[in-house]
C-alpha cells in the first residue's frame, strides 16, 4: 500500500557519517511504521525501497561527501512493506572546523506531477541497472539531463514547483 505524507508535514532525521540514524522525528517514526528504538543506531537504509535506483544514492553520497546539499525524490519502504514517496533535502552537518559530523535530512510531500515524471524515470534507471549496473542507471539520468539542458539540481527543483 502506498502511504502519503501530509501536505504540511516534514520528515526529519539525522545520521552519523556512516549513515546510522541518530535522530528521527515523530512523523518519520509514524511514516516508517517503526518504533524510535527500532530506528536509532540503524542504517538509514532500513527504509530503502528496492525500487530506488542505486545511481540516485551514489549521486546523493557523492554530493553530500563534498559538503554540498542534494534534493532528490525517494520512495521509502516501511516496516510493514508499505511505501511512501518524499521530496528530500539532504545536507552535511559540519562542526566549527568545517568537518562533516553527520547528515541532516528533511523530507516533504512531493509534487504529484513530479512523481508522474520520476516514477517512469526510476523504472527506466532500474531496468538499465539490472543489465548494465549502476553506471547504466546513471547514464539514463545524465542522458535525460542533457536532453533537458539542465543540471541535476535545476531539473529536480523545476519539477517540484
Protein backbone atom coordinates (compact mmCIF):
# COMPACT_ATOMS: atom_id res chain seq x y z
CA UNK A 1 0.00 0.00 0.00
CA UNK A 2 1.29 3.45 -0.84
CA UNK A 3 1.08 5.93 2.01
CA UNK A 4 1.16 9.72 1.59
CA UNK A 5 2.87 12.27 3.74
CA UNK A 6 0.54 15.08 4.77
CA UNK A 7 0.82 18.40 2.95
CA UNK A 8 2.31 20.32 5.90
CA UNK A 9 4.40 17.54 7.43
CA UNK A 10 8.18 17.33 7.42
CA UNK A 11 10.04 14.08 7.99
CA UNK A 12 13.31 14.86 9.76
CA UNK A 13 16.27 12.63 10.53
CA UNK A 14 19.92 12.93 11.37
CA UNK A 15 22.62 10.35 10.79
CA UNK A 16 26.26 9.95 11.70
CA UNK A 17 28.88 9.95 8.94
CA UNK A 18 28.25 6.24 8.27
CA UNK A 19 24.53 6.81 7.67
CA UNK A 20 23.33 5.39 11.02
CA UNK A 21 20.26 7.16 12.40
CA UNK A 22 20.93 9.38 15.42
CA UNK A 23 17.62 11.30 15.42
CA UNK A 24 14.17 10.74 13.93
CA UNK A 25 11.09 12.90 14.42
CA UNK A 26 7.65 11.51 15.21
CA UNK A 27 6.48 11.87 11.60
CA UNK A 28 9.43 9.72 10.44
CA UNK A 29 8.53 7.09 13.04
CA UNK A 30 4.86 7.12 12.04
CA UNK A 31 5.51 7.01 8.28
CA UNK A 32 8.17 4.28 8.56
CA UNK A 33 5.98 2.17 10.89
CA UNK A 34 8.91 1.50 13.23
CA UNK A 35 9.40 2.50 16.85
CA UNK A 36 12.10 5.03 17.73
CA UNK A 37 14.08 2.23 19.40
CA UNK A 38 13.95 0.16 16.21
CA UNK A 39 15.34 3.07 14.18
CA UNK A 40 18.05 4.75 16.27
CA UNK A 41 21.50 3.33 15.59
CA UNK A 42 20.30 1.53 12.47
CA UNK A 43 21.43 2.41 8.95
CA UNK A 44 19.11 4.89 7.23
CA UNK A 45 18.83 2.23 4.53
CA UNK A 46 16.40 0.42 6.86
CA UNK A 47 13.72 2.29 4.88
CA UNK A 48 15.32 1.80 1.45
CA UNK A 49 12.84 0.61 -1.13
CA UNK A 50 14.01 -1.91 -3.77
CA UNK A 51 12.51 0.33 -6.48
CA UNK A 52 15.06 3.09 -5.78
CA UNK A 53 17.84 3.22 -8.38
CA UNK A 54 21.30 2.71 -6.87
CA UNK A 55 22.57 5.56 -9.08
CA UNK A 56 20.44 8.06 -7.12
CA UNK A 57 22.07 7.00 -3.84
CA UNK A 58 25.52 7.19 -5.41
CA UNK A 59 24.72 10.72 -6.56
CA UNK A 60 23.48 11.55 -3.07
CA UNK A 61 26.59 10.23 -1.29
CA UNK A 62 28.97 11.78 -3.84
CA UNK A 63 27.27 15.15 -3.36
CA UNK A 64 26.98 15.27 0.43
CA UNK A 65 30.52 13.98 0.92
CA UNK A 66 31.65 17.11 -0.97
CA UNK A 67 29.80 19.12 1.72
CA UNK A 68 27.04 20.08 -0.71
CA UNK A 69 23.29 19.66 -0.31
CA UNK A 70 21.15 17.49 -2.55
CA UNK A 71 17.46 17.39 -3.40
CA UNK A 72 16.03 14.07 -4.57
CA UNK A 73 12.81 12.14 -4.95
CA UNK A 74 12.90 8.99 -2.86
CA UNK A 75 10.49 6.12 -2.38
CA UNK A 76 10.85 4.52 1.05
CA UNK A 77 9.71 1.15 2.35
CA UNK A 78 8.03 0.82 5.74
CA UNK A 79 8.41 -1.94 8.31
CA UNK A 80 5.10 -3.40 7.08
CA UNK A 81 6.19 -3.29 3.40
CA UNK A 82 4.14 -0.22 2.57
CA UNK A 83 5.79 2.60 0.64
CA UNK A 84 5.81 6.39 0.59
CA UNK A 85 7.37 9.00 -1.70
CA UNK A 86 9.19 12.06 -0.42
CA UNK A 87 10.98 15.09 -1.80
CA UNK A 88 14.20 15.00 0.22
CA UNK A 89 16.79 17.62 1.04
CA UNK A 90 19.99 16.15 2.48
CA UNK A 91 22.77 18.32 3.86
CA UNK A 92 26.00 17.63 5.70
CA UNK A 93 26.23 18.71 9.34
CA UNK A 94 29.53 20.49 9.91
CA UNK A 95 31.40 21.27 13.12
CA UNK A 96 33.20 24.56 13.84
CA UNK A 97 36.28 23.34 11.91
CA UNK A 98 34.18 22.53 8.81
CA UNK A 99 34.44 18.77 9.40
CA UNK A 100 31.42 16.66 8.50
CA UNK A 101 29.97 15.16 11.68
CA UNK A 102 26.80 13.72 10.17
CA UNK A 103 23.96 14.37 7.80
CA UNK A 104 20.60 16.05 8.18
CA UNK A 105 17.60 15.29 6.01
CA UNK A 106 14.23 16.99 5.73
CA UNK A 107 11.60 15.38 3.54
CA UNK A 108 8.25 16.72 2.46
CA UNK A 109 5.39 15.73 0.24
CA UNK A 110 6.45 15.56 -3.41
CA UNK A 111 4.57 17.36 -6.14
CA UNK A 112 2.24 14.70 -7.65
CA UNK A 113 3.04 15.95 -11.20
CA UNK A 114 6.75 15.47 -10.44
CA UNK A 115 6.12 11.84 -9.47
CA UNK A 116 4.48 11.27 -12.86
CA UNK A 117 7.92 12.12 -14.31
CA UNK A 118 10.09 10.48 -11.66
CA UNK A 119 8.36 7.08 -11.41
CA UNK A 120 8.92 6.14 -15.08
CA UNK A 121 12.44 7.62 -14.96
CA UNK A 122 13.36 5.49 -11.94
CA UNK A 123 11.79 2.41 -13.57
CA UNK A 124 13.96 3.00 -16.66
CA UNK A 125 17.04 3.54 -14.47
CA UNK A 126 16.34 0.32 -12.53
CA UNK A 127 15.94 -1.62 -15.77
CA UNK A 128 19.27 -0.26 -17.01
CA UNK A 129 20.95 -1.11 -13.69
CA UNK A 130 19.75 -4.73 -13.93
CA UNK A 131 21.61 -5.27 -17.17
CA UNK A 132 24.44 -2.72 -17.03
CA UNK A 133 24.99 -1.89 -13.38
CA UNK A 134 24.86 1.45 -11.62
CA UNK A 135 26.73 3.19 -14.43
CA UNK A 136 23.95 2.26 -16.87
CA UNK A 137 21.35 3.71 -14.49
CA UNK A 138 23.37 6.91 -14.18
CA UNK A 139 23.60 7.15 -17.98
CA UNK A 140 19.79 7.12 -18.23
CA UNK A 141 19.72 10.08 -15.83
CA UNK A 142 22.55 12.02 -17.49
CA UNK A 143 21.02 11.45 -20.95
CA UNK A 144 17.75 12.94 -19.70
CA UNK A 145 19.52 15.93 -18.15
CA UNK A 146 21.43 16.52 -21.38
CA UNK A 147 18.17 16.34 -23.35
CA UNK A 148 16.56 18.81 -20.91
CA UNK A 149 19.61 21.10 -20.99
CA UNK A 150 19.66 21.25 -17.20
CA UNK A 151 21.85 20.25 -14.30
CA UNK A 152 20.50 17.62 -11.89
CA UNK A 153 19.65 20.31 -9.30
CA UNK A 154 17.93 22.57 -11.84
CA UNK A 155 15.86 19.69 -13.18
CA UNK A 156 14.77 18.26 -9.81
CA UNK A 157 13.86 21.66 -8.38
CA UNK A 158 11.98 22.66 -11.55
CA UNK A 159 9.66 19.63 -11.47
CA UNK A 160 8.88 20.09 -7.76
CA UNK A 161 7.40 23.58 -8.34
